[in-house]
Amino acid sequence: MKARLATYLLLLISVSTGCDVTDPGADGDVEVSLRSPNETDGAALLELVGPVRNVVMLDHGRLLTHTAGDSTWVFVALETPGRIRFLVQLTPGGAVPSVSVIQVSDGDDRLRADLEDYSVRLR
């Protein structure tokens, strides 16, 4: 887990890469799923822009968030590499936030070199 936290620090200084988002257009809770071209991933850093009340981990691992202005940075590190997903609790009456994939690491904490084929699904 220490290696994942070190990866997190590297992820925070990475340059943002936007990905396609399917917008459900509804208030309430929204599940965010990272669509990966790889079978499994170990950790990811995503940026949500828009009104977010809370972020909840859906699988075993660690979830860290940082909010500044209308941006919420979400770092997810899974205990066992797999599919990265989490729940976003929206601010009542607020719009669904946009999501960008900032960085992803594999199950051995190596940063993925190419994020072009990653996308995010909201439902």
N, C-alpha and C. Protein backbone atom coordinates (compact mmCIF):
# COMPACT_ATOMS: atom_id res chain seq x y z
N MET A 1 0.83 -1.19 0.00
CA MET A 1 0.00 0.00 0.00
C MET A 1 0.88 1.26 0.00
N LYS A 2 2.10 1.19 0.59
CA LYS A 2 2.98 2.36 0.58
C LYS A 2 3.36 2.73 -0.84
N ALA A 3 3.58 1.72 -1.68
CA ALA A 3 3.91 1.99 -3.07
C ALA A 3 2.75 2.70 -3.76
N ARG A 4 1.53 2.31 -3.44
CA ARG A 4 0.36 2.96 -4.04
C ARG A 4 0.28 4.42 -3.60
N LEU A 5 0.62 4.70 -2.35
CA LEU A 5 0.59 6.08 -1.88
C LEU A 5 1.68 6.90 -2.56
N ALA A 6 2.84 6.29 -2.80
CA ALA A 6 3.89 6.98 -3.55
C ALA A 6 3.42 7.26 -4.97
N THR A 7 2.74 6.29 -5.56
CA THR A 7 2.19 6.48 -6.90
C THR A 7 1.20 7.63 -6.89
N TYR A 8 0.42 7.74 -5.82
CA TYR A 8 -0.56 8.82 -5.70
C TYR A 8 0.12 10.18 -5.80
N LEU A 9 1.26 10.34 -5.13
CA LEU A 9 1.96 11.61 -5.19
C LEU A 9 2.41 11.92 -6.60
N LEU A 10 2.87 10.90 -7.32
CA LEU A 10 3.25 11.10 -8.71
C LEU A 10 2.03 11.45 -9.56
N LEU A 11 0.91 10.82 -9.24
CA LEU A 11 -0.30 11.07 -10.01
C LEU A 11 -0.78 12.50 -9.86
N LEU A 12 -0.60 13.07 -8.68
CA LEU A 12 -1.08 14.42 -8.43
C LEU A 12 -0.40 15.46 -9.30
N ILE A 13 0.84 15.17 -9.75
CA ILE A 13 1.55 16.14 -10.56
C ILE A 13 1.42 15.85 -12.05
N SER A 14 0.64 14.86 -12.40
CA SER A 14 0.46 14.49 -13.80
C SER A 14 -0.44 15.49 -14.53
N VAL A 15 -0.34 15.51 -15.83
CA VAL A 15 -1.16 16.38 -16.66
C VAL A 15 -2.48 15.69 -16.97
N SER A 16 -3.56 16.44 -16.94
CA SER A 16 -4.91 15.90 -17.14
C SER A 16 -5.11 15.39 -18.57
N THR A 17 -5.78 14.23 -18.66
CA THR A 17 -6.19 13.68 -19.95
C THR A 17 -7.69 13.47 -19.89
N GLY A 18 -8.45 14.13 -20.73
CA GLY A 18 -9.90 14.00 -20.73
C GLY A 18 -10.33 12.72 -21.40
N CYS A 19 -11.46 12.20 -20.99
CA CYS A 19 -12.02 10.99 -21.58
C CYS A 19 -13.52 11.17 -21.79
N ASP A 20 -14.08 10.32 -22.63
CA ASP A 20 -15.51 10.39 -22.91
C ASP A 20 -16.32 10.02 -21.68
N VAL A 21 -17.42 10.72 -21.49
CA VAL A 21 -18.29 10.47 -20.35
C VAL A 21 -19.72 10.31 -20.85
N THR A 22 -20.39 9.29 -20.37
CA THR A 22 -21.81 9.13 -20.64
C THR A 22 -22.55 9.80 -19.50
N ASP A 23 -23.28 10.85 -19.79
CA ASP A 23 -23.97 11.65 -18.77
C ASP A 23 -25.39 11.13 -18.57
N PRO A 24 -25.69 10.60 -17.37
CA PRO A 24 -27.03 10.10 -17.14
C PRO A 24 -28.06 11.20 -16.97
N GLY A 25 -27.60 12.45 -16.69
CA GLY A 25 -28.52 13.57 -16.60
C GLY A 25 -29.51 13.50 -15.46
N ALA A 26 -29.09 12.95 -14.31
CA ALA A 26 -30.02 12.82 -13.19
C ALA A 26 -29.34 13.21 -11.89
N ASP A 27 -30.15 13.68 -10.93
CA ASP A 27 -29.63 14.00 -9.60
C ASP A 27 -29.53 12.72 -8.78
N GLY A 28 -28.83 12.79 -7.64
CA GLY A 28 -28.73 11.64 -6.74
C GLY A 28 -27.34 11.05 -6.76
N ASP A 29 -27.28 9.72 -6.61
CA ASP A 29 -26.00 9.02 -6.60
C ASP A 29 -25.66 8.54 -8.00
N VAL A 30 -24.39 8.67 -8.37
CA VAL A 30 -23.92 8.26 -9.68
C VAL A 30 -22.71 7.35 -9.49
N GLU A 31 -22.76 6.16 -10.11
CA GLU A 31 -21.61 5.27 -10.08
C GLU A 31 -20.66 5.66 -11.20
N VAL A 32 -19.40 5.86 -10.85
CA VAL A 32 -18.36 6.17 -11.82
C VAL A 32 -17.52 4.91 -12.01
N SER A 33 -17.42 4.44 -13.26
CA SER A 33 -16.63 3.25 -13.59
C SER A 33 -15.58 3.62 -14.62
N LEU A 34 -14.34 3.25 -14.34
CA LEU A 34 -13.27 3.48 -15.30
C LEU A 34 -13.30 2.36 -16.33
N ARG A 35 -13.45 2.73 -17.59
CA ARG A 35 -13.43 1.74 -18.68
C ARG A 35 -11.99 1.65 -19.16
N SER A 36 -11.42 0.47 -19.01
CA SER A 36 -10.00 0.26 -19.26
C SER A 36 -9.77 -0.67 -20.44
N PRO A 37 -8.74 -0.41 -21.24
CA PRO A 37 -8.37 -1.35 -22.29
C PRO A 37 -7.61 -2.55 -21.74
N ASN A 38 -7.29 -2.50 -20.45
CA ASN A 38 -6.55 -3.57 -19.79
C ASN A 38 -7.50 -4.43 -18.97
N GLU A 39 -7.08 -5.63 -18.70
CA GLU A 39 -7.92 -6.55 -17.93
C GLU A 39 -8.15 -6.03 -16.51
N THR A 40 -7.09 -5.51 -15.89
CA THR A 40 -7.20 -4.97 -14.54
C THR A 40 -6.32 -3.73 -14.40
N ASP A 41 -6.66 -2.90 -13.41
CA ASP A 41 -5.85 -1.74 -13.04
C ASP A 41 -5.72 -1.75 -11.52
N GLY A 42 -4.68 -1.09 -11.02
CA GLY A 42 -4.45 -1.07 -9.58
C GLY A 42 -4.87 0.21 -8.90
N ALA A 43 -4.72 1.34 -9.60
CA ALA A 43 -5.04 2.63 -9.00
C ALA A 43 -5.35 3.63 -10.10
N ALA A 44 -6.07 4.68 -9.73
CA ALA A 44 -6.39 5.73 -10.70
C ALA A 44 -6.63 7.05 -9.98
N LEU A 45 -6.32 8.12 -10.68
CA LEU A 45 -6.61 9.47 -10.22
C LEU A 45 -7.53 10.10 -11.24
N LEU A 46 -8.68 10.60 -10.78
CA LEU A 46 -9.66 11.23 -11.66
C LEU A 46 -10.01 12.60 -11.10
N GLU A 47 -10.41 13.50 -11.98
CA GLU A 47 -10.87 14.82 -11.57
C GLU A 47 -12.33 14.96 -11.93
N LEU A 48 -13.14 15.34 -10.95
CA LEU A 48 -14.56 15.62 -11.16
C LEU A 48 -14.73 17.12 -11.07
N VAL A 49 -15.39 17.71 -12.05
CA VAL A 49 -15.66 19.15 -12.04
C VAL A 49 -17.16 19.33 -12.00
N GLY A 50 -17.63 19.91 -10.92
CA GLY A 50 -19.05 20.12 -10.72
C GLY A 50 -19.41 19.85 -9.27
N PRO A 51 -20.68 20.01 -8.92
CA PRO A 51 -21.10 19.86 -7.53
C PRO A 51 -21.06 18.41 -7.04
N VAL A 52 -20.23 18.15 -6.06
CA VAL A 52 -20.10 16.81 -5.47
C VAL A 52 -20.27 16.95 -3.97
N ARG A 53 -21.18 16.15 -3.40
CA ARG A 53 -21.40 16.16 -1.95
C ARG A 53 -20.44 15.22 -1.24
N ASN A 54 -20.25 14.00 -1.82
CA ASN A 54 -19.42 12.99 -1.18
C ASN A 54 -19.01 11.96 -2.22
N VAL A 55 -17.93 11.24 -1.94
CA VAL A 55 -17.47 10.15 -2.80
C VAL A 55 -17.28 8.92 -1.92
N VAL A 56 -17.82 7.77 -2.36
CA VAL A 56 -17.83 6.55 -1.56
C VAL A 56 -17.17 5.42 -2.33
N MET A 57 -16.28 4.69 -1.67
CA MET A 57 -15.62 3.53 -2.27
C MET A 57 -16.61 2.38 -2.40
N LEU A 58 -16.59 1.68 -3.54
CA LEU A 58 -17.50 0.55 -3.75
C LEU A 58 -16.81 -0.80 -3.60
N ASP A 59 -15.49 -0.83 -3.66
CA ASP A 59 -14.75 -2.08 -3.57
C ASP A 59 -13.69 -1.96 -2.47
N HIS A 60 -12.99 -3.06 -2.19
CA HIS A 60 -11.95 -3.04 -1.17
C HIS A 60 -10.73 -2.30 -1.67
N GLY A 61 -10.31 -1.31 -0.91
CA GLY A 61 -9.16 -0.51 -1.27
C GLY A 61 -9.19 0.80 -0.50
N ARG A 62 -8.49 1.76 -1.04
CA ARG A 62 -8.40 3.07 -0.39
C ARG A 62 -8.89 4.13 -1.36
N LEU A 63 -9.66 5.08 -0.84
CA LEU A 63 -10.17 6.19 -1.63
C LEU A 63 -9.79 7.47 -0.91
N LEU A 64 -9.14 8.38 -1.62
CA LEU A 64 -8.77 9.68 -1.07
C LEU A 64 -9.36 10.75 -1.97
N THR A 65 -9.84 11.84 -1.37
CA THR A 65 -10.39 12.94 -2.16
C THR A 65 -9.80 14.26 -1.69
N HIS A 66 -9.78 15.21 -2.60
CA HIS A 66 -9.38 16.58 -2.29
C HIS A 66 -10.23 17.50 -3.13
N THR A 67 -10.89 18.46 -2.50
CA THR A 67 -11.74 19.39 -3.21
C THR A 67 -11.13 20.79 -3.15
N ALA A 68 -11.08 21.44 -4.31
CA ALA A 68 -10.62 22.82 -4.41
C ALA A 68 -11.52 23.52 -5.42
N GLY A 69 -12.30 24.48 -4.94
CA GLY A 69 -13.25 25.16 -5.82
C GLY A 69 -14.31 24.17 -6.29
N ASP A 70 -14.51 24.10 -7.60
CA ASP A 70 -15.52 23.16 -8.12
C ASP A 70 -14.89 21.85 -8.60
N SER A 71 -13.61 21.63 -8.32
CA SER A 71 -12.93 20.38 -8.70
C SER A 71 -12.75 19.47 -7.50
N THR A 72 -13.04 18.20 -7.71
CA THR A 72 -12.79 17.17 -6.69
C THR A 72 -11.87 16.13 -7.30
N TRP A 73 -10.70 15.96 -6.71
CA TRP A 73 -9.74 14.96 -7.15
C TRP A 73 -10.02 13.68 -6.39
N VAL A 74 -10.12 12.57 -7.09
CA VAL A 74 -10.44 11.28 -6.48
C VAL A 74 -9.32 10.30 -6.82
N PHE A 75 -8.68 9.75 -5.78
CA PHE A 75 -7.65 8.73 -5.96
C PHE A 75 -8.19 7.42 -5.40
N VAL A 76 -8.18 6.38 -6.23
CA VAL A 76 -8.64 5.05 -5.83
C VAL A 76 -7.48 4.08 -5.98
N ALA A 77 -7.16 3.34 -4.92
CA ALA A 77 -6.15 2.28 -4.97
C ALA A 77 -6.82 1.00 -4.48
N LEU A 78 -6.91 0.01 -5.36
CA LEU A 78 -7.56 -1.25 -5.01
C LEU A 78 -6.60 -2.16 -4.27
N GLU A 79 -7.12 -2.94 -3.31
CA GLU A 79 -6.30 -3.93 -2.61
C GLU A 79 -5.85 -5.02 -3.58
N THR A 80 -6.76 -5.45 -4.43
CA THR A 80 -6.47 -6.43 -5.47
C THR A 80 -6.81 -5.78 -6.81
N PRO A 81 -5.88 -5.75 -7.78
CA PRO A 81 -6.18 -5.11 -9.05
C PRO A 81 -7.48 -5.64 -9.66
N GLY A 82 -8.21 -4.74 -10.27
CA GLY A 82 -9.51 -5.10 -10.86
C GLY A 82 -10.10 -3.90 -11.57
N ARG A 83 -11.43 -3.80 -11.51
CA ARG A 83 -12.17 -2.70 -12.13
C ARG A 83 -12.29 -1.56 -11.13
N ILE A 84 -11.93 -0.37 -11.54
CA ILE A 84 -11.98 0.79 -10.65
C ILE A 84 -13.34 1.47 -10.79
N ARG A 85 -14.02 1.61 -9.64
CA ARG A 85 -15.32 2.26 -9.62
C ARG A 85 -15.57 2.83 -8.23
N PHE A 86 -16.44 3.85 -8.19
CA PHE A 86 -16.81 4.48 -6.93
C PHE A 86 -18.13 5.19 -7.12
N LEU A 87 -18.74 5.59 -6.02
CA LEU A 87 -20.04 6.24 -6.03
C LEU A 87 -19.86 7.72 -5.72
N VAL A 88 -20.48 8.57 -6.54
CA VAL A 88 -20.46 10.01 -6.30
C VAL A 88 -21.85 10.42 -5.84
N GLN A 89 -21.92 11.02 -4.67
CA GLN A 89 -23.18 11.56 -4.16
C GLN A 89 -23.22 13.03 -4.55
N LEU A 90 -24.20 13.36 -5.38
CA LEU A 90 -24.29 14.71 -5.93
C LEU A 90 -24.96 15.67 -4.96
N THR A 91 -24.63 16.93 -5.11
CA THR A 91 -25.30 17.99 -4.37
C THR A 91 -26.74 18.06 -4.86
N PRO A 92 -27.72 18.10 -3.95
CA PRO A 92 -29.12 18.16 -4.39
C PRO A 92 -29.35 19.30 -5.38
N GLY A 93 -29.98 18.96 -6.50
CA GLY A 93 -30.27 19.95 -7.53
C GLY A 93 -29.09 20.28 -8.43
N GLY A 94 -27.93 19.69 -8.15
CA GLY A 94 -26.74 19.98 -8.94
C GLY A 94 -26.66 19.12 -10.19
N ALA A 95 -25.89 19.57 -11.14
CA ALA A 95 -25.68 18.82 -12.38
C ALA A 95 -24.68 17.69 -12.15
N VAL A 96 -24.68 16.73 -13.05
CA VAL A 96 -23.70 15.64 -13.00
C VAL A 96 -22.34 16.22 -13.37
N PRO A 97 -21.29 15.94 -12.56
CA PRO A 97 -19.98 16.52 -12.85
C PRO A 97 -19.35 15.90 -14.10
N SER A 98 -18.46 16.66 -14.72
CA SER A 98 -17.65 16.10 -15.79
C SER A 98 -16.49 15.35 -15.13
N VAL A 99 -15.96 14.35 -15.82
CA VAL A 99 -14.90 13.51 -15.25
C VAL A 99 -13.75 13.41 -16.23
N SER A 100 -12.53 13.58 -15.73
CA SER A 100 -11.32 13.41 -16.52
C SER A 100 -10.42 12.38 -15.85
N VAL A 101 -9.83 11.51 -16.64
CA VAL A 101 -8.85 10.55 -16.14
C VAL A 101 -7.50 11.25 -16.16
N ILE A 102 -6.87 11.36 -14.99
CA ILE A 102 -5.59 12.04 -14.89
C ILE A 102 -4.44 11.04 -15.04
N GLN A 103 -4.54 9.91 -14.34
CA GLN A 103 -3.49 8.90 -14.42
C GLN A 103 -4.03 7.56 -13.93
N VAL A 104 -3.42 6.48 -14.40
CA VAL A 104 -3.79 5.12 -14.02
C VAL A 104 -2.52 4.33 -13.83
N SER A 105 -2.52 3.43 -12.84
CA SER A 105 -1.38 2.51 -12.68
C SER A 105 -1.88 1.08 -12.76
N ASP A 106 -0.96 0.19 -13.11
CA ASP A 106 -1.32 -1.23 -13.20
C ASP A 106 -1.27 -1.86 -11.81
N GLY A 107 -1.45 -3.16 -11.73
CA GLY A 107 -1.46 -3.85 -10.45
C GLY A 107 -0.12 -3.90 -9.75
N ASP A 108 0.96 -3.56 -10.46
CA ASP A 108 2.30 -3.52 -9.88
C ASP A 108 2.77 -2.09 -9.64
N ASP A 109 1.83 -1.14 -9.60
CA ASP A 109 2.10 0.27 -9.33
C ASP A 109 2.94 0.95 -10.40
N ARG A 110 2.90 0.46 -11.63
CA ARG A 110 3.58 1.12 -12.74
C ARG A 110 2.56 1.99 -13.46
N LEU A 111 2.92 3.25 -13.70
CA LEU A 111 2.00 4.16 -14.38
C LEU A 111 1.76 3.70 -15.80
N ARG A 112 0.52 3.77 -16.25
CA ARG A 112 0.17 3.45 -17.63
C ARG A 112 0.71 4.58 -18.52
N ALA A 113 1.38 4.21 -19.58
CA ALA A 113 1.99 5.20 -20.47
C ALA A 113 0.98 5.90 -21.36
N ASP A 114 -0.09 5.21 -21.72
CA ASP A 114 -1.05 5.76 -22.67
C ASP A 114 -2.47 5.65 -22.11
N LEU A 115 -3.14 6.78 -21.99
CA LEU A 115 -4.51 6.80 -21.45
C LEU A 115 -5.55 7.02 -22.54
N GLU A 116 -5.13 7.00 -23.80
CA GLU A 116 -6.02 7.31 -24.91
C GLU A 116 -7.26 6.42 -24.96
N ASP A 117 -7.12 5.14 -24.64
CA ASP A 117 -8.25 4.22 -24.74
C ASP A 117 -9.06 4.08 -23.45
N TYR A 118 -8.78 4.92 -22.46
CA TYR A 118 -9.57 4.91 -21.23
C TYR A 118 -10.76 5.83 -21.40
N SER A 119 -11.86 5.48 -20.77
CA SER A 119 -13.03 6.35 -20.71
C SER A 119 -13.71 6.13 -19.36
N VAL A 120 -14.71 6.91 -19.10
CA VAL A 120 -15.42 6.85 -17.84
C VAL A 120 -16.90 6.67 -18.13
N ARG A 121 -17.53 5.79 -17.38
CA ARG A 121 -18.98 5.59 -17.52
C ARG A 121 -19.65 6.05 -16.24
N LEU A 122 -20.68 6.86 -16.39
CA LEU A 122 -21.49 7.31 -15.27
C LEU A 122 -22.85 6.69 -15.40
N ARG A 123 -23.35 6.11 -14.32
CA ARG A 123 -24.72 5.58 -14.35
C ARG A 123 -25.36 5.64 -13.00
